[in-house]
Amino acid sequence: PTTKEEQNKGLGTKKPQKVLKNLTGYALPGQTLYIMGASGAGKTSLMN
């Protein structure tokens, strides 16, 4: 959702926000892969 200020500027009620940006990686069989990051960094979005 956009803020009231953004809506007043004519940006509509919703705007796009990138959660995952050009991620590249791999997970090998038999090895543990840790996905770490701050709250809101996109860990759950990556797993989903």
All heavy atoms as atom14 arrays in JSON, in Angstrom:
{
  "sequence": "PTTKEEQNKGLGTKKPQKVLKNLTGYALPGQTLYIMGASGAGKTSLMN",
  "atom14_mask": [
    [1, 1, 1, 1, 1, 1, 1, 0, 0, 0, 0, 0, 0, 0],
    [1, 1, 1, 1, 1, 1, 1, 0, 0, 0, 0, 0, 0, 0],
    [1, 1, 1, 1, 1, 1, 1, 0, 0, 0, 0, 0, 0, 0],
    [1, 1, 1, 1, 1, 1, 1, 1, 1, 0, 0, 0, 0, 0],
    [1, 1, 1, 1, 1, 1, 1, 1, 1, 0, 0, 0, 0, 0],
    [1, 1, 1, 1, 1, 1, 1, 1, 1, 0, 0, 0, 0, 0],
    [1, 1, 1, 1, 1, 1, 1, 1, 1, 0, 0, 0, 0, 0],
    [1, 1, 1, 1, 1, 1, 1, 1, 0, 0, 0, 0, 0, 0],
    [1, 1, 1, 1, 1, 1, 1, 1, 1, 0, 0, 0, 0, 0],
    [1, 1, 1, 1, 0, 0, 0, 0, 0, 0, 0, 0, 0, 0],
    [1, 1, 1, 1, 1, 1, 1, 1, 0, 0, 0, 0, 0, 0],
    [1, 1, 1, 1, 0, 0, 0, 0, 0, 0, 0, 0, 0, 0],
    [1, 1, 1, 1, 1, 1, 1, 0, 0, 0, 0, 0, 0, 0],
    [1, 1, 1, 1, 1, 1, 1, 1, 1, 0, 0, 0, 0, 0],
    [1, 1, 1, 1, 1, 1, 1, 1, 1, 0, 0, 0, 0, 0],
    [1, 1, 1, 1, 1, 1, 1, 0, 0, 0, 0, 0, 0, 0],
    [1, 1, 1, 1, 1, 1, 1, 1, 1, 0, 0, 0, 0, 0],
    [1, 1, 1, 1, 1, 1, 1, 1, 1, 0, 0, 0, 0, 0],
    [1, 1, 1, 1, 1, 1, 1, 0, 0, 0, 0, 0, 0, 0],
    [1, 1, 1, 1, 1, 1, 1, 1, 0, 0, 0, 0, 0, 0],
    [1, 1, 1, 1, 1, 1, 1, 1, 1, 0, 0, 0, 0, 0],
    [1, 1, 1, 1, 1, 1, 1, 1, 0, 0, 0, 0, 0, 0],
    [1, 1, 1, 1, 1, 1, 1, 1, 0, 0, 0, 0, 0, 0],
    [1, 1, 1, 1, 1, 1, 1, 0, 0, 0, 0, 0, 0, 0],
    [1, 1, 1, 1, 0, 0, 0, 0, 0, 0, 0, 0, 0, 0],
    [1, 1, 1, 1, 1, 1, 1, 1, 1, 1, 1, 1, 0, 0],
    [1, 1, 1, 1, 1, 0, 0, 0, 0, 0, 0, 0, 0, 0],
    [1, 1, 1, 1, 1, 1, 1, 1, 0, 0, 0, 0, 0, 0],
    [1, 1, 1, 1, 1, 1, 1, 0, 0, 0, 0, 0, 0, 0],
    [1, 1, 1, 1, 0, 0, 0, 0, 0, 0, 0, 0, 0, 0],
    [1, 1, 1, 1, 1, 1, 1, 1, 1, 0, 0, 0, 0, 0],
    [1, 1, 1, 1, 1, 1, 1, 0, 0, 0, 0, 0, 0, 0],
    [1, 1, 1, 1, 1, 1, 1, 1, 0, 0, 0, 0, 0, 0],
    [1, 1, 1, 1, 1, 1, 1, 1, 1, 1, 1, 1, 0, 0],
    [1, 1, 1, 1, 1, 1, 1, 1, 0, 0, 0, 0, 0, 0],
    [1, 1, 1, 1, 1, 1, 1, 1, 0, 0, 0, 0, 0, 0],
    [1, 1, 1, 1, 0, 0, 0, 0, 0, 0, 0, 0, 0, 0],
    [1, 1, 1, 1, 1, 0, 0, 0, 0, 0, 0, 0, 0, 0],
    [1, 1, 1, 1, 1, 1, 0, 0, 0, 0, 0, 0, 0, 0],
    [1, 1, 1, 1, 0, 0, 0, 0, 0, 0, 0, 0, 0, 0],
    [1, 1, 1, 1, 1, 0, 0, 0, 0, 0, 0, 0, 0, 0],
    [1, 1, 1, 1, 0, 0, 0, 0, 0, 0, 0, 0, 0, 0],
    [1, 1, 1, 1, 1, 1, 1, 1, 1, 0, 0, 0, 0, 0],
    [1, 1, 1, 1, 1, 1, 1, 0, 0, 0, 0, 0, 0, 0],
    [1, 1, 1, 1, 1, 1, 0, 0, 0, 0, 0, 0, 0, 0],
    [1, 1, 1, 1, 1, 1, 1, 1, 0, 0, 0, 0, 0, 0],
    [1, 1, 1, 1, 1, 1, 1, 1, 0, 0, 0, 0, 0, 0],
    [1, 1, 1, 1, 1, 1, 1, 1, 0, 0, 0, 0, 0, 0]
  ],
  "atom14_positions": [
    [[0.83, -1.21, 0.0], [0.0, 0.0, 0.0], [0.86, 1.26, 0.0], [1.94, 1.31, 0.59], [-0.78, -0.1, 1.31], [-0.66, -1.51, 1.75], [0.62, -2.03, 1.18], [0.0, 0.0, 0.0], [0.0, 0.0, 0.0], [0.0, 0.0, 0.0], [0.0, 0.0, 0.0], [0.0, 0.0, 0.0], [0.0, 0.0, 0.0], [0.0, 0.0, 0.0]],
    [[0.37, 2.28, -0.68], [1.06, 3.57, -0.68], [0.56, 4.41, 0.51], [-0.53, 4.16, 1.03], [0.8, 4.34, -1.99], [-0.61, 4.45, -2.18], [1.43, 3.65, -3.17], [0.0, 0.0, 0.0], [0.0, 0.0, 0.0], [0.0, 0.0, 0.0], [0.0, 0.0, 0.0], [0.0, 0.0, 0.0], [0.0, 0.0, 0.0], [0.0, 0.0, 0.0]],
    [[1.35, 5.37, 0.88], [0.95, 6.29, 1.96], [-0.04, 7.3, 1.4], [-0.17, 7.46, 0.18], [2.17, 7.03, 2.53], [2.73, 7.84, 1.48], [3.23, 6.06, 3.05], [0.0, 0.0, 0.0], [0.0, 0.0, 0.0], [0.0, 0.0, 0.0], [0.0, 0.0, 0.0], [0.0, 0.0, 0.0], [0.0, 0.0, 0.0], [0.0, 0.0, 0.0]],
    [[-0.71, 7.99, 2.27], [-1.65, 9.05, 1.84], [-0.91, 10.11, 1.02], [-1.42, 10.62, 0.04], [-2.34, 9.7, 3.04], [-3.29, 8.79, 3.76], [-4.52, 8.54, 2.92], [-5.52, 7.68, 3.67], [-6.64, 7.28, 2.84], [0.0, 0.0, 0.0], [0.0, 0.0, 0.0], [0.0, 0.0, 0.0], [0.0, 0.0, 0.0], [0.0, 0.0, 0.0]],
    [[0.31, 10.4, 1.44], [1.12, 11.41, 0.72], [1.41, 10.95, -0.71], [1.32, 11.73, -1.66], [2.42, 11.66, 1.49], [3.29, 12.74, 0.89], [4.53, 12.99, 1.72], [4.4, 13.51, 2.84], [5.62, 12.64, 1.24], [0.0, 0.0, 0.0], [0.0, 0.0, 0.0], [0.0, 0.0, 0.0], [0.0, 0.0, 0.0], [0.0, 0.0, 0.0]],
    [[1.77, 9.67, -0.87], [2.04, 9.13, -2.2], [0.76, 9.1, -3.04], [0.8, 9.38, -4.23], [2.63, 7.72, -2.08], [4.04, 7.71, -1.53], [4.54, 6.31, -1.21], [3.72, 5.47, -0.79], [5.75, 6.07, -1.38], [0.0, 0.0, 0.0], [0.0, 0.0, 0.0], [0.0, 0.0, 0.0], [0.0, 0.0, 0.0], [0.0, 0.0, 0.0]],
    [[-0.37, 8.79, -2.4], [-1.65, 8.79, -3.11], [-2.01, 10.19, -3.59], [-2.51, 10.36, -4.7], [-2.75, 8.23, -2.23], [-2.62, 6.74, -1.97], [-3.64, 6.21, -1.0], [-4.67, 6.83, -0.78], [-3.36, 5.05, -0.43], [0.0, 0.0, 0.0], [0.0, 0.0, 0.0], [0.0, 0.0, 0.0], [0.0, 0.0, 0.0], [0.0, 0.0, 0.0]],
    [[-1.72, 11.21, -2.76], [-1.98, 12.59, -3.14], [-1.12, 13.03, -4.32], [-1.48, 13.94, -5.06], [-1.78, 13.53, -1.96], [-2.83, 13.33, -0.88], [-3.91, 12.8, -1.15], [-2.5, 13.72, 0.34], [0.0, 0.0, 0.0], [0.0, 0.0, 0.0], [0.0, 0.0, 0.0], [0.0, 0.0, 0.0], [0.0, 0.0, 0.0], [0.0, 0.0, 0.0]],
    [[0.04, 12.38, -4.5], [0.93, 12.68, -5.62], [0.52, 11.91, -6.88], [1.21, 11.99, -7.89], [2.37, 12.36, -5.26], [2.95, 13.27, -4.2], [4.39, 12.9, -3.9], [4.97, 13.8, -2.83], [6.35, 13.43, -2.48], [0.0, 0.0, 0.0], [0.0, 0.0, 0.0], [0.0, 0.0, 0.0], [0.0, 0.0, 0.0], [0.0, 0.0, 0.0]],
    [[-0.56, 11.14, -6.78], [-1.05, 10.41, -7.94], [-0.42, 9.06, -8.18], [-0.45, 8.55, -9.29], [0.0, 0.0, 0.0], [0.0, 0.0, 0.0], [0.0, 0.0, 0.0], [0.0, 0.0, 0.0], [0.0, 0.0, 0.0], [0.0, 0.0, 0.0], [0.0, 0.0, 0.0], [0.0, 0.0, 0.0], [0.0, 0.0, 0.0], [0.0, 0.0, 0.0]],
    [[0.16, 8.46, -7.14], [0.82, 7.16, -7.31], [-0.11, 5.98, -7.13], [0.32, 4.84, -7.19], [2.0, 7.04, -6.33], [3.15, 8.0, -6.56], [4.22, 7.83, -5.51], [3.74, 7.82, -7.95], [0.0, 0.0, 0.0], [0.0, 0.0, 0.0], [0.0, 0.0, 0.0], [0.0, 0.0, 0.0], [0.0, 0.0, 0.0], [0.0, 0.0, 0.0]],
    [[-1.39, 6.19, -6.9], [-2.33, 5.1, -6.75], [-2.34, 4.55, -5.33], [-1.74, 5.12, -4.42], [0.0, 0.0, 0.0], [0.0, 0.0, 0.0], [0.0, 0.0, 0.0], [0.0, 0.0, 0.0], [0.0, 0.0, 0.0], [0.0, 0.0, 0.0], [0.0, 0.0, 0.0], [0.0, 0.0, 0.0], [0.0, 0.0, 0.0], [0.0, 0.0, 0.0]],
    [[-3.0, 3.41, -5.15], [-3.14, 2.85, -3.8], [-2.11, 1.77, -3.5], [-1.94, 1.38, -2.36], [-4.54, 2.25, -3.61], [-4.75, 1.25, -4.6], [-5.61, 3.32, -3.72], [0.0, 0.0, 0.0], [0.0, 0.0, 0.0], [0.0, 0.0, 0.0], [0.0, 0.0, 0.0], [0.0, 0.0, 0.0], [0.0, 0.0, 0.0], [0.0, 0.0, 0.0]],
    [[-1.42, 1.26, -4.54], [-0.39, 0.24, -4.33], [0.82, 0.55, -5.2], [0.71, 1.14, -6.28], [-0.92, -1.15, -4.67], [-1.98, -1.64, -3.71], [-2.33, -3.07, -4.03], [-3.35, -3.59, -3.03], [-3.69, -4.99, -3.29], [0.0, 0.0, 0.0], [0.0, 0.0, 0.0], [0.0, 0.0, 0.0], [0.0, 0.0, 0.0], [0.0, 0.0, 0.0]],
    [[1.98, 0.11, -4.73], [3.22, 0.28, -5.49], [4.04, -1.0, -5.38], [3.93, -1.74, -4.39], [4.03, 1.47, -4.98], [4.53, 1.31, -3.55], [5.31, 2.52, -3.09], [5.73, 2.32, -1.63], [6.44, 3.47, -1.11], [0.0, 0.0, 0.0], [0.0, 0.0, 0.0], [0.0, 0.0, 0.0], [0.0, 0.0, 0.0], [0.0, 0.0, 0.0]],
    [[4.86, -1.31, -6.38], [5.69, -2.52, -6.32], [6.88, -2.33, -5.39], [7.46, -1.25, -5.32], [6.14, -2.71, -7.76], [6.08, -1.35, -8.36], [4.99, -0.61, -7.65], [0.0, 0.0, 0.0], [0.0, 0.0, 0.0], [0.0, 0.0, 0.0], [0.0, 0.0, 0.0], [0.0, 0.0, 0.0], [0.0, 0.0, 0.0], [0.0, 0.0, 0.0]],
    [[7.23, -3.4, -4.67], [8.44, -3.39, -3.84], [9.15, -4.72, -4.03], [8.58, -5.78, -3.84], [8.12, -3.19, -2.37], [9.37, -3.17, -1.52], [9.12, -2.65, -0.13], [8.08, -2.05, 0.14], [10.04, -2.9, 0.76], [0.0, 0.0, 0.0], [0.0, 0.0, 0.0], [0.0, 0.0, 0.0], [0.0, 0.0, 0.0], [0.0, 0.0, 0.0]],
    [[10.42, -4.64, -4.45], [11.2, -5.86, -4.66], [11.59, -6.45, -3.31], [12.14, -5.77, -2.46], [12.46, -5.56, -5.47], [12.24, -5.55, -6.94], [13.56, -5.58, -7.68], [13.35, -6.13, -9.06], [14.6, -6.32, -9.76], [0.0, 0.0, 0.0], [0.0, 0.0, 0.0], [0.0, 0.0, 0.0], [0.0, 0.0, 0.0], [0.0, 0.0, 0.0]],
    [[11.3, -7.73, -3.14], [11.66, -8.45, -1.92], [12.94, -9.24, -2.16], [13.84, -9.25, -1.33], [10.51, -9.38, -1.48], [10.91, -10.18, -0.26], [9.25, -8.58, -1.22], [0.0, 0.0, 0.0], [0.0, 0.0, 0.0], [0.0, 0.0, 0.0], [0.0, 0.0, 0.0], [0.0, 0.0, 0.0], [0.0, 0.0, 0.0], [0.0, 0.0, 0.0]],
    [[13.03, -9.91, -3.3], [14.23, -10.66, -3.69], [14.78, -10.02, -4.96], [14.04, -9.81, -5.92], [13.89, -12.13, -3.94], [13.23, -12.88, -2.8], [12.86, -14.3, -3.23], [14.11, -12.9, -1.57], [0.0, 0.0, 0.0], [0.0, 0.0, 0.0], [0.0, 0.0, 0.0], [0.0, 0.0, 0.0], [0.0, 0.0, 0.0], [0.0, 0.0, 0.0]],
    [[16.07, -9.73, -4.96], [16.68, -8.99, -6.07], [17.85, -9.75, -6.66], [18.94, -9.81, -6.08], [17.15, -7.62, -5.58], [16.05, -6.79, -4.95], [16.6, -5.55, -4.3], [15.52, -4.86, -3.49], [16.02, -3.78, -2.68], [0.0, 0.0, 0.0], [0.0, 0.0, 0.0], [0.0, 0.0, 0.0], [0.0, 0.0, 0.0], [0.0, 0.0, 0.0]],
    [[17.64, -10.36, -7.81], [18.7, -11.03, -8.58], [19.52, -12.01, -7.75], [20.75, -11.99, -7.78], [19.61, -10.0, -9.25], [18.87, -9.11, -10.2], [18.0, -9.56, -10.94], [19.16, -7.82, -10.18], [0.0, 0.0, 0.0], [0.0, 0.0, 0.0], [0.0, 0.0, 0.0], [0.0, 0.0, 0.0], [0.0, 0.0, 0.0], [0.0, 0.0, 0.0]],
    [[18.85, -12.89, -7.02], [19.55, -13.86, -6.17], [20.01, -15.06, -6.99], [19.29, -15.57, -7.84], [18.64, -14.36, -5.05], [18.14, -13.31, -4.07], [17.29, -13.98, -3.0], [19.29, -12.58, -3.43], [0.0, 0.0, 0.0], [0.0, 0.0, 0.0], [0.0, 0.0, 0.0], [0.0, 0.0, 0.0], [0.0, 0.0, 0.0], [0.0, 0.0, 0.0]],
    [[21.22, -15.49, -6.73], [21.79, -16.67, -7.36], [22.44, -17.51, -6.27], [23.08, -16.98, -5.38], [22.85, -16.27, -8.42], [22.21, -15.46, -9.4], [23.47, -17.48, -9.07], [0.0, 0.0, 0.0], [0.0, 0.0, 0.0], [0.0, 0.0, 0.0], [0.0, 0.0, 0.0], [0.0, 0.0, 0.0], [0.0, 0.0, 0.0], [0.0, 0.0, 0.0]],
    [[22.23, -18.83, -6.33], [22.85, -19.69, -5.33], [22.59, -21.15, -5.62], [21.98, -21.5, -6.63], [0.0, 0.0, 0.0], [0.0, 0.0, 0.0], [0.0, 0.0, 0.0], [0.0, 0.0, 0.0], [0.0, 0.0, 0.0], [0.0, 0.0, 0.0], [0.0, 0.0, 0.0], [0.0, 0.0, 0.0], [0.0, 0.0, 0.0], [0.0, 0.0, 0.0]],
    [[23.05, -22.0, -4.7], [22.83, -23.44, -4.85], [22.91, -24.12, -3.5], [23.47, -23.57, -2.54], [23.85, -24.05, -5.83], [25.28, -23.92, -5.37], [25.89, -24.91, -4.6], [26.03, -22.8, -5.69], [27.2, -24.79, -4.17], [27.34, -22.66, -5.28], [27.92, -23.66, -4.51], [29.21, -23.53, -4.09], [0.0, 0.0, 0.0], [0.0, 0.0, 0.0]],
    [[22.32, -25.3, -3.43], [22.38, -26.14, -2.23], [22.78, -27.54, -2.69], [22.14, -28.12, -3.57], [21.02, -26.18, -1.54], [0.0, 0.0, 0.0], [0.0, 0.0, 0.0], [0.0, 0.0, 0.0], [0.0, 0.0, 0.0], [0.0, 0.0, 0.0], [0.0, 0.0, 0.0], [0.0, 0.0, 0.0], [0.0, 0.0, 0.0], [0.0, 0.0, 0.0]],
    [[23.86, -28.04, -2.11], [24.37, -29.35, -2.51], [23.78, -30.46, -1.65], [23.49, -30.25, -0.46], [25.9, -29.36, -2.38], [26.65, -28.38, -3.28], [28.13, -28.39, -2.95], [26.43, -28.74, -4.73], [0.0, 0.0, 0.0], [0.0, 0.0, 0.0], [0.0, 0.0, 0.0], [0.0, 0.0, 0.0], [0.0, 0.0, 0.0], [0.0, 0.0, 0.0]],
    [[23.6, -31.64, -2.22], [23.07, -32.75, -1.44], [24.05, -33.18, -0.34], [25.27, -33.13, -0.54], [22.89, -33.87, -2.46], [23.75, -33.5, -3.62], [23.88, -32.01, -3.6], [0.0, 0.0, 0.0], [0.0, 0.0, 0.0], [0.0, 0.0, 0.0], [0.0, 0.0, 0.0], [0.0, 0.0, 0.0], [0.0, 0.0, 0.0], [0.0, 0.0, 0.0]],
    [[23.53, -33.51, 0.82], [24.36, -33.98, 1.92], [25.03, -32.88, 2.71], [25.81, -33.15, 3.6], [0.0, 0.0, 0.0], [0.0, 0.0, 0.0], [0.0, 0.0, 0.0], [0.0, 0.0, 0.0], [0.0, 0.0, 0.0], [0.0, 0.0, 0.0], [0.0, 0.0, 0.0], [0.0, 0.0, 0.0], [0.0, 0.0, 0.0], [0.0, 0.0, 0.0]],
    [[24.76, -31.63, 2.38], [25.35, -30.51, 3.09], [24.26, -29.63, 3.68], [23.15, -29.57, 3.15], [26.24, -29.67, 2.17], [27.46, -30.4, 1.68], [28.4, -29.49, 0.92], [28.13, -28.32, 0.7], [29.53, -30.03, 0.5], [0.0, 0.0, 0.0], [0.0, 0.0, 0.0], [0.0, 0.0, 0.0], [0.0, 0.0, 0.0], [0.0, 0.0, 0.0]],
    [[24.59, -28.95, 4.76], [23.65, -28.03, 5.39], [23.84, -26.65, 4.79], [24.95, -26.18, 4.61], [23.89, -27.96, 6.91], [23.75, -29.28, 7.45], [22.92, -27.03, 7.59], [0.0, 0.0, 0.0], [0.0, 0.0, 0.0], [0.0, 0.0, 0.0], [0.0, 0.0, 0.0], [0.0, 0.0, 0.0], [0.0, 0.0, 0.0], [0.0, 0.0, 0.0]],
    [[22.71, -26.0, 4.48], [22.74, -24.64, 3.95], [22.04, -23.74, 4.96], [20.9, -24.0, 5.33], [22.02, -24.56, 2.6], [21.8, -23.16, 2.03], [23.14, -22.55, 1.63], [20.86, -23.21, 0.84], [0.0, 0.0, 0.0], [0.0, 0.0, 0.0], [0.0, 0.0, 0.0], [0.0, 0.0, 0.0], [0.0, 0.0, 0.0], [0.0, 0.0, 0.0]],
    [[22.73, -22.74, 5.43], [22.15, -21.79, 6.37], [21.72, -20.54, 5.61], [22.48, -20.01, 4.8], [23.17, -21.38, 7.44], [23.57, -22.52, 8.33], [24.69, -23.29, 8.04], [22.83, -22.83, 9.46], [25.07, -24.34, 8.87], [23.19, -23.88, 10.29], [24.31, -24.63, 9.98], [24.66, -25.67, 10.8], [0.0, 0.0, 0.0], [0.0, 0.0, 0.0]],
    [[20.51, -20.09, 5.88], [20.02, -18.84, 5.3], [19.85, -17.88, 6.45], [19.0, -18.07, 7.31], [18.69, -19.05, 4.54], [18.92, -20.04, 3.41], [18.16, -17.73, 4.02], [17.67, -20.42, 2.66], [0.0, 0.0, 0.0], [0.0, 0.0, 0.0], [0.0, 0.0, 0.0], [0.0, 0.0, 0.0], [0.0, 0.0, 0.0], [0.0, 0.0, 0.0]],
    [[20.71, -16.87, 6.49], [20.74, -15.94, 7.61], [20.52, -14.52, 7.14], [20.87, -14.17, 6.02], [22.09, -16.05, 8.33], [22.38, -17.43, 8.87], [24.06, -17.64, 9.47], [24.13, -16.41, 10.73], [0.0, 0.0, 0.0], [0.0, 0.0, 0.0], [0.0, 0.0, 0.0], [0.0, 0.0, 0.0], [0.0, 0.0, 0.0], [0.0, 0.0, 0.0]],
    [[19.94, -13.71, 8.01], [19.73, -12.31, 7.68], [18.86, -11.66, 8.72], [18.22, -12.33, 9.55], [0.0, 0.0, 0.0], [0.0, 0.0, 0.0], [0.0, 0.0, 0.0], [0.0, 0.0, 0.0], [0.0, 0.0, 0.0], [0.0, 0.0, 0.0], [0.0, 0.0, 0.0], [0.0, 0.0, 0.0], [0.0, 0.0, 0.0], [0.0, 0.0, 0.0]],
    [[18.81, -10.36, 8.68], [18.01, -9.58, 9.63], [16.52, -9.8, 9.37], [16.12, -10.29, 8.31], [18.35, -8.1, 9.5], [0.0, 0.0, 0.0], [0.0, 0.0, 0.0], [0.0, 0.0, 0.0], [0.0, 0.0, 0.0], [0.0, 0.0, 0.0], [0.0, 0.0, 0.0], [0.0, 0.0, 0.0], [0.0, 0.0, 0.0], [0.0, 0.0, 0.0]],
    [[15.73, -9.4, 10.32], [14.28, -9.46, 10.16], [13.87, -8.64, 8.94], [14.33, -7.52, 8.75], [13.62, -8.89, 11.42], [12.24, -8.87, 11.29], [0.0, 0.0, 0.0], [0.0, 0.0, 0.0], [0.0, 0.0, 0.0], [0.0, 0.0, 0.0], [0.0, 0.0, 0.0], [0.0, 0.0, 0.0], [0.0, 0.0, 0.0], [0.0, 0.0, 0.0]],
    [[13.04, -9.23, 8.09], [12.59, -8.53, 6.89], [13.55, -8.61, 5.72], [13.35, -7.95, 4.71], [0.0, 0.0, 0.0], [0.0, 0.0, 0.0], [0.0, 0.0, 0.0], [0.0, 0.0, 0.0], [0.0, 0.0, 0.0], [0.0, 0.0, 0.0], [0.0, 0.0, 0.0], [0.0, 0.0, 0.0], [0.0, 0.0, 0.0], [0.0, 0.0, 0.0]],
    [[14.59, -9.42, 5.84], [15.59, -9.5, 4.77], [15.15, -10.37, 3.59], [15.79, -10.35, 2.55], [16.91, -10.04, 5.34], [0.0, 0.0, 0.0], [0.0, 0.0, 0.0], [0.0, 0.0, 0.0], [0.0, 0.0, 0.0], [0.0, 0.0, 0.0], [0.0, 0.0, 0.0], [0.0, 0.0, 0.0], [0.0, 0.0, 0.0], [0.0, 0.0, 0.0]],
    [[14.08, -11.16, 3.76], [13.57, -11.97, 2.66], [13.87, -13.46, 2.78], [13.71, -14.19, 1.81], [0.0, 0.0, 0.0], [0.0, 0.0, 0.0], [0.0, 0.0, 0.0], [0.0, 0.0, 0.0], [0.0, 0.0, 0.0], [0.0, 0.0, 0.0], [0.0, 0.0, 0.0], [0.0, 0.0, 0.0], [0.0, 0.0, 0.0], [0.0, 0.0, 0.0]],
    [[14.26, -13.93, 3.96], [14.58, -15.35, 4.15], [13.38, -16.24, 3.85], [13.48, -17.2, 3.09], [15.09, -15.61, 5.58], [16.33, -14.81, 5.95], [16.71, -15.02, 7.41], [15.68, -14.5, 8.38], [15.53, -13.06, 8.43], [0.0, 0.0, 0.0], [0.0, 0.0, 0.0], [0.0, 0.0, 0.0], [0.0, 0.0, 0.0], [0.0, 0.0, 0.0]],
    [[12.24, -15.92, 4.43], [11.04, -16.72, 4.21], [10.57, -16.6, 2.77], [10.14, -17.59, 2.16], [9.92, -16.29, 5.18], [10.4, -16.45, 6.53], [8.67, -17.12, 4.99], [0.0, 0.0, 0.0], [0.0, 0.0, 0.0], [0.0, 0.0, 0.0], [0.0, 0.0, 0.0], [0.0, 0.0, 0.0], [0.0, 0.0, 0.0], [0.0, 0.0, 0.0]],
    [[10.67, -15.43, 2.18], [10.3, -15.26, 0.78], [11.18, -16.11, -0.12], [10.7, -16.71, -1.09], [10.41, -13.79, 0.37], [9.47, -13.01, 1.08], [0.0, 0.0, 0.0], [0.0, 0.0, 0.0], [0.0, 0.0, 0.0], [0.0, 0.0, 0.0], [0.0, 0.0, 0.0], [0.0, 0.0, 0.0], [0.0, 0.0, 0.0], [0.0, 0.0, 0.0]],
    [[12.47, -16.2, 0.19], [13.38, -17.05, -0.58], [12.96, -18.51, -0.48], [12.85, -19.21, -1.49], [14.82, -16.88, -0.11], [15.83, -17.86, -0.72], [15.9, -17.69, -2.23], [17.2, -17.67, -0.09], [0.0, 0.0, 0.0], [0.0, 0.0, 0.0], [0.0, 0.0, 0.0], [0.0, 0.0, 0.0], [0.0, 0.0, 0.0], [0.0, 0.0, 0.0]],
    [[12.68, -18.97, 0.73], [12.27, -20.37, 0.92], [10.94, -20.64, 0.21], [10.76, -21.69, -0.39], [12.16, -20.7, 2.4], [13.5, -20.69, 3.13], [14.72, -21.8, 2.4], [13.92, -23.37, 2.64], [0.0, 0.0, 0.0], [0.0, 0.0, 0.0], [0.0, 0.0, 0.0], [0.0, 0.0, 0.0], [0.0, 0.0, 0.0], [0.0, 0.0, 0.0]],
    [[10.01, -19.7, 0.28], [8.72, -19.86, -0.4], [8.91, -19.92, -1.92], [8.26, -20.7, -2.6], [7.76, -18.75, -0.01], [7.22, -18.92, 1.38], [7.2, -20.02, 1.93], [6.79, -17.82, 1.98], [0.0, 0.0, 0.0], [0.0, 0.0, 0.0], [0.0, 0.0, 0.0], [0.0, 0.0, 0.0], [0.0, 0.0, 0.0], [0.0, 0.0, 0.0]]
  ]
}
